[in-house]
Amino acid sequence: MPLFMVKKEVFEWIKTGQKTIELRTGKAKAGDEAVFQCGRNILRGKIINKNEGNLSTLLHNLDFREIIPTANSIEEATVYIKKLYGAADGTFTAYRFALSR
């Protein structure tokens, strides 16, 4: 069961249903349940599928707005992700999820 520590802005996107794909560096973690934590706040969801690849491929093959809801373009999404991770190379995993109600 992957645990994703997220910033407040990202937590709100998830909570309100704007964000349905969580992007992380590295290969996919095992498990079909996801836990999103921001401070003491927790949301749980079911992982629907996982996609691995480089950042550019994932952003082109998936709807980048499901990853970064405030982005107006793939370029804006890439800039946001680079600020989070410091780089955009290597393997990324996109976890598509649905919140448990």
PDB file of N, CA and C in Angstrom:
ATOM      1  N   MET A   1       0.849  -1.172   0.000  1.00  0.00           N
ATOM      2  CA  MET A   1       0.000   0.000   0.000  1.00  0.00           C
ATOM      3  C   MET A   1       0.898   1.240   0.000  1.00  0.00           C
ATOM      4  N   PRO A   2       1.033   1.890  -1.153  1.00  0.00           N
ATOM      5  CA  PRO A   2       1.869   3.090  -1.207  1.00  0.00           C
ATOM      6  C   PRO A   2       1.318   4.233  -0.345  1.00  0.00           C
ATOM      7  N   LEU A   3       2.223   4.872   0.384  1.00  0.00           N
ATOM      8  CA  LEU A   3       1.896   6.072   1.162  1.00  0.00           C
ATOM      9  C   LEU A   3       2.505   7.252   0.420  1.00  0.00           C
ATOM     10  N   PHE A   4       1.677   8.218   0.068  1.00  0.00           N
ATOM     11  CA  PHE A   4       2.137   9.405  -0.636  1.00  0.00           C
ATOM     12  C   PHE A   4       1.995  10.613   0.277  1.00  0.00           C
ATOM     13  N   MET A   5       3.116  11.197   0.663  1.00  0.00           N
ATOM     14  CA  MET A   5       3.104  12.448   1.418  1.00  0.00           C
ATOM     15  C   MET A   5       2.931  13.558   0.377  1.00  0.00           C
ATOM     16  N   VAL A   6       1.917  14.403   0.566  1.00  0.00           N
ATOM     17  CA  VAL A   6       1.628  15.441  -0.425  1.00  0.00           C
ATOM     18  C   VAL A   6       1.510  16.811   0.238  1.00  0.00           C
ATOM     19  N   LYS A   7       1.763  17.841  -0.566  1.00  0.00           N
ATOM     20  CA  LYS A   7       1.607  19.217  -0.087  1.00  0.00           C
ATOM     21  C   LYS A   7       0.125  19.556   0.025  1.00  0.00           C
ATOM     22  N   LYS A   8      -0.169  20.610   0.775  1.00  0.00           N
ATOM     23  CA  LYS A   8      -1.561  20.999   1.029  1.00  0.00           C
ATOM     24  C   LYS A   8      -2.335  21.248  -0.268  1.00  0.00           C
ATOM     25  N   GLU A   9      -1.717  21.952  -1.202  1.00  0.00           N
ATOM     26  CA  GLU A   9      -2.377  22.244  -2.479  1.00  0.00           C
ATOM     27  C   GLU A   9      -2.763  20.946  -3.195  1.00  0.00           C
ATOM     28  N   VAL A  10      -1.840  19.998  -3.230  1.00  0.00           N
ATOM     29  CA  VAL A  10      -2.083  18.717  -3.892  1.00  0.00           C
ATOM     30  C   VAL A  10      -3.163  17.930  -3.155  1.00  0.00           C
ATOM     31  N   PHE A  11      -3.129  17.954  -1.828  1.00  0.00           N
ATOM     32  CA  PHE A  11      -4.139  17.263  -1.018  1.00  0.00           C
ATOM     33  C   PHE A  11      -5.534  17.789  -1.358  1.00  0.00           C
ATOM     34  N   GLU A  12      -5.662  19.104  -1.502  1.00  0.00           N
ATOM     35  CA  GLU A  12      -6.958  19.705  -1.845  1.00  0.00           C
ATOM     36  C   GLU A  12      -7.416  19.287  -3.242  1.00  0.00           C
ATOM     37  N   TRP A  13      -6.480  19.215  -4.191  1.00  0.00           N
ATOM     38  CA  TRP A  13      -6.824  18.759  -5.542  1.00  0.00           C
ATOM     39  C   TRP A  13      -7.386  17.345  -5.488  1.00  0.00           C
ATOM     40  N   ILE A  14      -6.748  16.488  -4.694  1.00  0.00           N
ATOM     41  CA  ILE A  14      -7.194  15.096  -4.573  1.00  0.00           C
ATOM     42  C   ILE A  14      -8.567  15.049  -3.909  1.00  0.00           C
ATOM     43  N   LYS A  15      -8.700  15.781  -2.807  1.00  0.00           N
ATOM     44  CA  LYS A  15      -9.944  15.787  -2.026  1.00  0.00           C
ATOM     45  C   LYS A  15     -11.138  16.253  -2.861  1.00  0.00           C
ATOM     46  N   THR A  16     -10.917  17.244  -3.723  1.00  0.00           N
ATOM     47  CA  THR A  16     -12.004  17.805  -4.527  1.00  0.00           C
ATOM     48  C   THR A  16     -12.204  17.082  -5.863  1.00  0.00           C
ATOM     49  N   GLY A  17     -11.392  16.059  -6.122  1.00  0.00           N
ATOM     50  CA  GLY A  17     -11.542  15.275  -7.345  1.00  0.00           C
ATOM     51  C   GLY A  17     -10.901  15.877  -8.578  1.00  0.00           C
ATOM     52  N   GLN A  18     -10.149  16.968  -8.425  1.00  0.00           N
ATOM     53  CA  GLN A  18      -9.483  17.587  -9.576  1.00  0.00           C
ATOM     54  C   GLN A  18      -8.290  16.762 -10.038  1.00  0.00           C
ATOM     55  N   LYS A  19      -7.645  16.077  -9.098  1.00  0.00           N
ATOM     56  CA  LYS A  19      -6.444  15.286  -9.387  1.00  0.00           C
ATOM     57  C   LYS A  19      -6.789  13.811  -9.243  1.00  0.00           C
ATOM     58  N   THR A  20      -6.567  13.033 -10.317  1.00  0.00           N
ATOM     59  CA  THR A  20      -6.864  11.601 -10.277  1.00  0.00           C
ATOM     60  C   THR A  20      -5.658  10.747 -10.654  1.00  0.00           C
ATOM     61  N   ILE A  21      -4.514  11.395 -10.882  1.00  0.00           N
ATOM     62  CA  ILE A  21      -3.275  10.672 -11.170  1.00  0.00           C
ATOM     63  C   ILE A  21      -2.173  11.249 -10.288  1.00  0.00           C
ATOM     64  N   GLU A  22      -1.513  10.393  -9.531  1.00  0.00           N
ATOM     65  CA  GLU A  22      -0.372  10.798  -8.704  1.00  0.00           C
ATOM     66  C   GLU A  22       0.894  10.360  -9.424  1.00  0.00           C
ATOM     67  N   LEU A  23       1.823  11.286  -9.611  1.00  0.00           N
ATOM     68  CA  LEU A  23       3.066  11.019 -10.324  1.00  0.00           C
ATOM     69  C   LEU A  23       4.210  10.980  -9.327  1.00  0.00           C
ATOM     70  N   ARG A  24       5.028   9.943  -9.414  1.00  0.00           N
ATOM     71  CA  ARG A  24       6.177   9.798  -8.519  1.00  0.00           C
ATOM     72  C   ARG A  24       7.390   9.342  -9.311  1.00  0.00           C
ATOM     73  N   THR A  25       8.587   9.685  -8.812  1.00  0.00           N
ATOM     74  CA  THR A  25       9.809   9.203  -9.439  1.00  0.00           C
ATOM     75  C   THR A  25      10.002   7.742  -9.068  1.00  0.00           C
ATOM     76  N   GLY A  26      10.688   7.028  -9.942  1.00  0.00           N
ATOM     77  CA  GLY A  26      11.002   5.629  -9.672  1.00  0.00           C
ATOM     78  C   GLY A  26       9.961   4.671 -10.220  1.00  0.00           C
ATOM     79  N   LYS A  27      10.266   3.403 -10.022  1.00  0.00           N
ATOM     80  CA  LYS A  27       9.376   2.339 -10.498  1.00  0.00           C
ATOM     81  C   LYS A  27       8.165   2.213  -9.586  1.00  0.00           C
ATOM     82  N   ALA A  28       7.141   1.536 -10.079  1.00  0.00           N
ATOM     83  CA  ALA A  28       5.874   1.390  -9.355  1.00  0.00           C
ATOM     84  C   ALA A  28       6.052   0.645  -8.036  1.00  0.00           C
ATOM     85  N   LYS A  29       5.358   1.118  -7.015  1.00  0.00           N
ATOM     86  CA  LYS A  29       5.326   0.439  -5.722  1.00  0.00           C
ATOM     87  C   LYS A  29       4.226  -0.615  -5.756  1.00  0.00           C
ATOM     88  N   ALA A  30       4.410  -1.680  -4.984  1.00  0.00           N
ATOM     89  CA  ALA A  30       3.415  -2.751  -4.923  1.00  0.00           C
ATOM     90  C   ALA A  30       2.181  -2.274  -4.161  1.00  0.00           C
ATOM     91  N   GLY A  31       1.044  -2.859  -4.484  1.00  0.00           N
ATOM     92  CA  GLY A  31      -0.187  -2.549  -3.765  1.00  0.00           C
ATOM     93  C   GLY A  31      -1.232  -1.928  -4.664  1.00  0.00           C
ATOM     94  N   ASP A  32      -2.493  -2.112  -4.282  1.00  0.00           N
ATOM     95  CA  ASP A  32      -3.580  -1.548  -5.083  1.00  0.00           C
ATOM     96  C   ASP A  32      -4.407  -0.536  -4.298  1.00  0.00           C
ATOM     97  N   GLU A  33      -3.905  -0.144  -3.133  1.00  0.00           N
ATOM     98  CA  GLU A  33      -4.544   0.901  -2.325  1.00  0.00           C
ATOM     99  C   GLU A  33      -3.519   2.018  -2.137  1.00  0.00           C
ATOM    100  N   ALA A  34      -3.967   3.254  -2.173  1.00  0.00           N
ATOM    101  CA  ALA A  34      -3.082   4.399  -1.974  1.00  0.00           C
ATOM    102  C   ALA A  34      -3.548   5.189  -0.759  1.00  0.00           C
ATOM    103  N   VAL A  35      -2.581   5.704  -0.012  1.00  0.00           N
ATOM    104  CA  VAL A  35      -2.876   6.575   1.124  1.00  0.00           C
ATOM    105  C   VAL A  35      -2.175   7.903   0.858  1.00  0.00           C
ATOM    106  N   PHE A  36      -2.939   8.993   0.887  1.00  0.00           N
ATOM    107  CA  PHE A  36      -2.395  10.334   0.685  1.00  0.00           C
ATOM    108  C   PHE A  36      -2.420  11.042   2.028  1.00  0.00           C
ATOM    109  N   GLN A  37      -1.263  11.563   2.442  1.00  0.00           N
ATOM    110  CA  GLN A  37      -1.187  12.214   3.744  1.00  0.00           C
ATOM    111  C   GLN A  37      -0.607  13.609   3.615  1.00  0.00           C
ATOM    112  N   CYS A  38      -1.278  14.545   4.317  1.00  0.00           N
ATOM    113  CA  CYS A  38      -0.808  15.927   4.420  1.00  0.00           C
ATOM    114  C   CYS A  38      -0.968  16.300   5.884  1.00  0.00           C
ATOM    115  N   GLY A  39       0.144  16.374   6.616  1.00  0.00           N
ATOM    116  CA  GLY A  39       0.058  16.608   8.055  1.00  0.00           C
ATOM    117  C   GLY A  39      -0.692  15.462   8.704  1.00  0.00           C
ATOM    118  N   ARG A  40      -1.763  15.774   9.433  1.00  0.00           N
ATOM    119  CA  ARG A  40      -2.578  14.732  10.063  1.00  0.00           C
ATOM    120  C   ARG A  40      -3.729  14.261   9.182  1.00  0.00           C
ATOM    121  N   ASN A  41      -3.928  14.935   8.074  1.00  0.00           N
ATOM    122  CA  ASN A  41      -5.048  14.611   7.181  1.00  0.00           C
ATOM    123  C   ASN A  41      -4.697  13.447   6.259  1.00  0.00           C
ATOM    124  N   ILE A  42      -5.640  12.521   6.116  1.00  0.00           N
ATOM    125  CA  ILE A  42      -5.417  11.326   5.303  1.00  0.00           C
ATOM    126  C   ILE A  42      -6.611  11.088   4.381  1.00  0.00           C
ATOM    127  N   LEU A  43      -6.297  10.717   3.146  1.00  0.00           N
ATOM    128  CA  LEU A  43      -7.300  10.256   2.182  1.00  0.00           C
ATOM    129  C   LEU A  43      -6.850   8.889   1.681  1.00  0.00           C
ATOM    130  N   ARG A  44      -7.809   8.014   1.421  1.00  0.00           N
ATOM    131  CA  ARG A  44      -7.496   6.684   0.905  1.00  0.00           C
ATOM    132  C   ARG A  44      -8.153   6.505  -0.455  1.00  0.00           C
ATOM    133  N   GLY A  45      -7.464   5.762  -1.303  1.00  0.00           N
ATOM    134  CA  GLY A  45      -8.005   5.510  -2.625  1.00  0.00           C
ATOM    135  C   GLY A  45      -7.584   4.161  -3.158  1.00  0.00           C
ATOM    136  N   LYS A  46      -8.251   3.749  -4.217  1.00  0.00           N
ATOM    137  CA  LYS A  46      -7.918   2.499  -4.889  1.00  0.00           C
ATOM    138  C   LYS A  46      -7.130   2.843  -6.146  1.00  0.00           C
ATOM    139  N   ILE A  47      -5.996   2.167  -6.332  1.00  0.00           N
ATOM    140  CA  ILE A  47      -5.190   2.371  -7.531  1.00  0.00           C
ATOM    141  C   ILE A  47      -5.829   1.577  -8.668  1.00  0.00           C
ATOM    142  N   ILE A  48      -6.195   2.286  -9.722  1.00  0.00           N
ATOM    143  CA  ILE A  48      -6.865   1.672 -10.870  1.00  0.00           C
ATOM    144  C   ILE A  48      -5.839   1.091 -11.835  1.00  0.00           C
ATOM    145  N   ASN A  49      -4.777   1.861 -12.106  1.00  0.00           N
ATOM    146  CA  ASN A  49      -3.682   1.343 -12.927  1.00  0.00           C
ATOM    147  C   ASN A  49      -2.418   2.144 -12.689  1.00  0.00           C
ATOM    148  N   LYS A  50      -1.307   1.601 -13.184  1.00  0.00           N
ATOM    149  CA  LYS A  50       0.003   2.232 -13.037  1.00  0.00           C
ATOM    150  C   LYS A  50       0.662   2.261 -14.407  1.00  0.00           C
ATOM    151  N   ASN A  51       1.315   3.373 -14.725  1.00  0.00           N
ATOM    152  CA  ASN A  51       2.071   3.510 -15.963  1.00  0.00           C
ATOM    153  C   ASN A  51       3.469   3.982 -15.608  1.00  0.00           C
ATOM    154  N   GLU A  52       4.476   3.320 -16.164  1.00  0.00           N
ATOM    155  CA  GLU A  52       5.863   3.730 -15.955  1.00  0.00           C
ATOM    156  C   GLU A  52       6.433   4.274 -17.253  1.00  0.00           C
ATOM    157  N   GLY A  53       7.364   5.221 -17.128  1.00  0.00           N
ATOM    158  CA  GLY A  53       8.041   5.749 -18.299  1.00  0.00           C
ATOM    159  C   GLY A  53       8.725   7.059 -17.970  1.00  0.00           C
ATOM    160  N   ASN A  54       9.265   7.703 -19.003  1.00  0.00           N
ATOM    161  CA  ASN A  54       9.879   9.003 -18.740  1.00  0.00           C
ATOM    162  C   ASN A  54       8.782  10.061 -18.655  1.00  0.00           C
ATOM    163  N   LEU A  55       9.119  11.186 -18.080  1.00  0.00           N
ATOM    164  CA  LEU A  55       8.127  12.228 -17.804  1.00  0.00           C
ATOM    165  C   LEU A  55       7.411  12.700 -19.066  1.00  0.00           C
ATOM    166  N   SER A  56       8.162  12.973 -20.109  1.00  0.00           N
ATOM    167  CA  SER A  56       7.575  13.483 -21.347  1.00  0.00           C
ATOM    168  C   SER A  56       6.545  12.508 -21.920  1.00  0.00           C
ATOM    169  N   THR A  57       6.882  11.236 -21.962  1.00  0.00           N
ATOM    170  CA  THR A  57       5.969  10.220 -22.496  1.00  0.00           C
ATOM    171  C   THR A  57       4.698  10.137 -21.667  1.00  0.00           C
ATOM    172  N   LEU A  58       4.837  10.119 -20.342  1.00  0.00           N
ATOM    173  CA  LEU A  58       3.661  10.031 -19.474  1.00  0.00           C
ATOM    174  C   LEU A  58       2.753  11.247 -19.645  1.00  0.00           C
ATOM    175  N   LEU A  59       3.337  12.444 -19.702  1.00  0.00           N
ATOM    176  CA  LEU A  59       2.525  13.657 -19.847  1.00  0.00           C
ATOM    177  C   LEU A  59       1.818  13.713 -21.203  1.00  0.00           C
ATOM    178  N   HIS A  60       2.431  13.140 -22.229  1.00  0.00           N
ATOM    179  CA  HIS A  60       1.797  13.125 -23.549  1.00  0.00           C
ATOM    180  C   HIS A  60       0.736  12.028 -23.661  1.00  0.00           C
ATOM    181  N   ASN A  61       0.940  10.906 -22.978  1.00  0.00           N
ATOM    182  CA  ASN A  61       0.002   9.782 -23.077  1.00  0.00           C
ATOM    183  C   ASN A  61      -1.168   9.885 -22.103  1.00  0.00           C
ATOM    184  N   LEU A  62      -1.013  10.653 -21.045  1.00  0.00           N
ATOM    185  CA  LEU A  62      -2.065  10.833 -20.045  1.00  0.00           C
ATOM    186  C   LEU A  62      -2.535  12.284 -20.099  1.00  0.00           C
ATOM    187  N   ASP A  63      -3.668  12.574 -19.514  1.00  0.00           N
ATOM    188  CA  ASP A  63      -4.144  13.962 -19.453  1.00  0.00           C
ATOM    189  C   ASP A  63      -3.364  14.681 -18.350  1.00  0.00           C
ATOM    190  N   PHE A  64      -2.460  15.572 -18.735  1.00  0.00           N
ATOM    191  CA  PHE A  64      -1.603  16.256 -17.764  1.00  0.00           C
ATOM    192  C   PHE A  64      -2.414  17.011 -16.713  1.00  0.00           C
ATOM    193  N   ARG A  65      -3.653  17.398 -17.038  1.00  0.00           N
ATOM    194  CA  ARG A  65      -4.495  18.127 -16.073  1.00  0.00           C
ATOM    195  C   ARG A  65      -4.976  17.223 -14.936  1.00  0.00           C
ATOM    196  N   GLU A  66      -4.941  15.901 -15.148  1.00  0.00           N
ATOM    197  CA  GLU A  66      -5.279  14.975 -14.068  1.00  0.00           C
ATOM    198  C   GLU A  66      -4.107  14.821 -13.097  1.00  0.00           C
ATOM    199  N   ILE A  67      -2.921  15.244 -13.530  1.00  0.00           N
ATOM    200  CA  ILE A  67      -1.719  15.177 -12.696  1.00  0.00           C
ATOM    201  C   ILE A  67      -1.497  16.521 -12.003  1.00  0.00           C
ATOM    202  N   ILE A  68      -1.516  17.608 -12.778  1.00  0.00           N
ATOM    203  CA  ILE A  68      -1.357  18.977 -12.267  1.00  0.00           C
ATOM    204  C   ILE A  68      -2.565  19.787 -12.758  1.00  0.00           C
ATOM    205  N   PRO A  69      -3.649  19.837 -11.977  1.00  0.00           N
ATOM    206  CA  PRO A  69      -4.895  20.481 -12.423  1.00  0.00           C
ATOM    207  C   PRO A  69      -4.776  21.956 -12.805  1.00  0.00           C
ATOM    208  N   THR A  70      -3.812  22.672 -12.253  1.00  0.00           N
ATOM    209  CA  THR A  70      -3.689  24.100 -12.557  1.00  0.00           C
ATOM    210  C   THR A  70      -2.881  24.376 -13.824  1.00  0.00           C
ATOM    211  N   ALA A  71      -2.267  23.342 -14.397  1.00  0.00           N
ATOM    212  CA  ALA A  71      -1.444  23.528 -15.595  1.00  0.00           C
ATOM    213  C   ALA A  71      -2.331  23.741 -16.820  1.00  0.00           C
ATOM    214  N   ASN A  72      -1.930  24.691 -17.658  1.00  0.00           N
ATOM    215  CA  ASN A  72      -2.650  24.965 -18.900  1.00  0.00           C
ATOM    216  C   ASN A  72      -1.993  24.310 -20.105  1.00  0.00           C
ATOM    217  N   SER A  73      -0.811  23.715 -19.888  1.00  0.00           N
ATOM    218  CA  SER A  73      -0.088  23.069 -20.982  1.00  0.00           C
ATOM    219  C   SER A  73       0.841  22.004 -20.401  1.00  0.00           C
ATOM    220  N   ILE A  74       1.331  21.146 -21.280  1.00  0.00           N
ATOM    221  CA  ILE A  74       2.297  20.132 -20.848  1.00  0.00           C
ATOM    222  C   ILE A  74       3.551  20.820 -20.316  1.00  0.00           C
ATOM    223  N   GLU A  75       3.929  21.934 -20.925  1.00  0.00           N
ATOM    224  CA  GLU A  75       5.119  22.666 -20.480  1.00  0.00           C
ATOM    225  C   GLU A  75       4.945  23.169 -19.044  1.00  0.00           C
ATOM    226  N   GLU A  76       3.771  23.714 -18.729  1.00  0.00           N
ATOM    227  CA  GLU A  76       3.510  24.184 -17.357  1.00  0.00           C
ATOM    228  C   GLU A  76       3.540  23.023 -16.369  1.00  0.00           C
ATOM    229  N   ALA A  77       2.985  21.886 -16.758  1.00  0.00           N
ATOM    230  CA  ALA A  77       3.011  20.706 -15.891  1.00  0.00           C
ATOM    231  C   ALA A  77       4.450  20.258 -15.653  1.00  0.00           C
ATOM    232  N   THR A  78       5.266  20.285 -16.700  1.00  0.00           N
ATOM    233  CA  THR A  78       6.672  19.884 -16.585  1.00  0.00           C
ATOM    234  C   THR A  78       7.422  20.812 -15.638  1.00  0.00           C
ATOM    235  N   VAL A  79       7.200  22.117 -15.746  1.00  0.00           N
ATOM    236  CA  VAL A  79       7.853  23.088 -14.861  1.00  0.00           C
ATOM    237  C   VAL A  79       7.466  22.822 -13.408  1.00  0.00           C
ATOM    238  N   TYR A  80       6.188  22.587 -13.139  1.00  0.00           N
ATOM    239  CA  TYR A  80       5.704  22.311 -11.780  1.00  0.00           C
ATOM    240  C   TYR A  80       6.390  21.061 -11.223  1.00  0.00           C
ATOM    241  N   ILE A  81       6.453  20.006 -12.034  1.00  0.00           N
ATOM    242  CA  ILE A  81       7.057  18.745 -11.595  1.00  0.00           C
ATOM    243  C   ILE A  81       8.554  18.915 -11.359  1.00  0.00           C
ATOM    244  N   LYS A  82       9.240  19.683 -12.219  1.00  0.00           N
ATOM    245  CA  LYS A  82      10.676  19.933 -12.025  1.00  0.00           C
ATOM    246  C   LYS A  82      10.927  20.671 -10.716  1.00  0.00           C
ATOM    247  N   LYS A  83      10.021  21.591 -10.343  1.00  0.00           N
ATOM    248  CA  LYS A  83      10.169  22.301  -9.067  1.00  0.00           C
ATOM    249  C   LYS A  83      10.044  21.334  -7.898  1.00  0.00           C
ATOM    250  N   LEU A  84       9.157  20.343  -8.020  1.00  0.00           N
ATOM    251  CA  LEU A  84       8.980  19.355  -6.950  1.00  0.00           C
ATOM    252  C   LEU A  84      10.183  18.435  -6.814  1.00  0.00           C
ATOM    253  N   TYR A  85      10.666  17.920  -7.951  1.00  0.00           N
ATOM    254  CA  TYR A  85      11.701  16.884  -7.923  1.00  0.00           C
ATOM    255  C   TYR A  85      13.100  17.383  -8.263  1.00  0.00           C
ATOM    256  N   GLY A  86      13.224  18.621  -8.736  1.00  0.00           N
ATOM    257  CA  GLY A  86      14.536  19.159  -9.063  1.00  0.00           C
ATOM    258  C   GLY A  86      15.043  18.746 -10.436  1.00  0.00           C
ATOM    259  N   ALA A  87      14.413  17.764 -11.043  1.00  0.00           N
ATOM    260  CA  ALA A  87      14.807  17.288 -12.371  1.00  0.00           C
ATOM    261  C   ALA A  87      13.613  16.579 -12.993  1.00  0.00           C
ATOM    262  N   ALA A  88      13.751  16.259 -14.260  1.00  0.00           N
ATOM    263  CA  ALA A  88      12.647  15.580 -14.938  1.00  0.00           C
ATOM    264  C   ALA A  88      13.137  14.357 -15.706  1.00  0.00           C
ATOM    265  N   ASP A  89      14.347  13.876 -15.372  1.00  0.00           N
ATOM    266  CA  ASP A  89      14.829  12.698 -16.080  1.00  0.00           C
ATOM    267  C   ASP A  89      14.671  11.450 -15.222  1.00  0.00           C
ATOM    268  N   GLY A  90      14.864  10.304 -15.849  1.00  0.00           N
ATOM    269  CA  GLY A  90      14.698   9.039 -15.141  1.00  0.00           C
ATOM    270  C   GLY A  90      13.286   8.502 -15.292  1.00  0.00           C
ATOM    271  N   THR A  91      13.030   7.438 -14.552  1.00  0.00           N
ATOM    272  CA  THR A  91      11.727   6.769 -14.619  1.00  0.00           C
ATOM    273  C   THR A  91      10.733   7.401 -13.658  1.00  0.00           C
ATOM    274  N   PHE A  92       9.517   7.595 -14.135  1.00  0.00           N
ATOM    275  CA  PHE A  92       8.409   8.073 -13.312  1.00  0.00           C
ATOM    276  C   PHE A  92       7.297   7.029 -13.362  1.00  0.00           C
ATOM    277  N   THR A  93       6.478   7.006 -12.320  1.00  0.00           N
ATOM    278  CA  THR A  93       5.293   6.149 -12.314  1.00  0.00           C
ATOM    279  C   THR A  93       4.070   7.021 -12.092  1.00  0.00           C
ATOM    280  N   ALA A  94       3.057   6.813 -12.932  1.00  0.00           N
ATOM    281  CA  ALA A  94       1.778   7.512 -12.798  1.00  0.00           C
ATOM    282  C   ALA A  94       0.771   6.521 -12.221  1.00  0.00           C
ATOM    283  N   TYR A  95       0.214   6.868 -11.063  1.00  0.00           N
ATOM    284  CA  TYR A  95      -0.786   6.026 -10.401  1.00  0.00           C
ATOM    285  C   TYR A  95      -2.162   6.662 -10.615  1.00  0.00           C
ATOM    286  N   ARG A  96      -3.020   6.019 -11.401  1.00  0.00           N
ATOM    287  CA  ARG A  96      -4.397   6.506 -11.548  1.00  0.00           C
ATOM    288  C   ARG A  96      -5.189   5.911 -10.392  1.00  0.00           C
ATOM    289  N   PHE A  97      -5.947   6.763  -9.697  1.00  0.00           N
ATOM    290  CA  PHE A  97      -6.651   6.302  -8.500  1.00  0.00           C
ATOM    291  C   PHE A  97      -8.067   6.851  -8.450  1.00  0.00           C
ATOM    292  N   ALA A  98      -8.874   6.220  -7.614  1.00  0.00           N
ATOM    293  CA  ALA A  98     -10.223   6.696  -7.302  1.00  0.00           C
ATOM    294  C   ALA A  98     -10.328   6.710  -5.788  1.00  0.00           C
ATOM    295  N   LEU A  99     -10.763   7.833  -5.225  1.00  0.00           N
ATOM    296  CA  LEU A  99     -10.887   7.936  -3.769  1.00  0.00           C
ATOM    297  C   LEU A  99     -11.929   6.970  -3.240  1.00  0.00           C
ATOM    298  N   SER A 100     -11.653   6.436  -2.062  1.00  0.00           N
ATOM    299  CA  SER A 100     -12.633   5.598  -1.367  1.00  0.00           C
ATOM    300  C   SER A 100     -13.619   6.531  -0.687  1.00  0.00           C
ATOM    301  N   ARG A 101     -14.887   6.275  -0.821  1.00  0.00           N
ATOM    302  CA  ARG A 101     -15.905   7.156  -0.218  1.00  0.00           C
ATOM    303  C   ARG A 101     -16.447   6.554   1.048  1.00  0.00           C
TER     304      ARG A 101
END
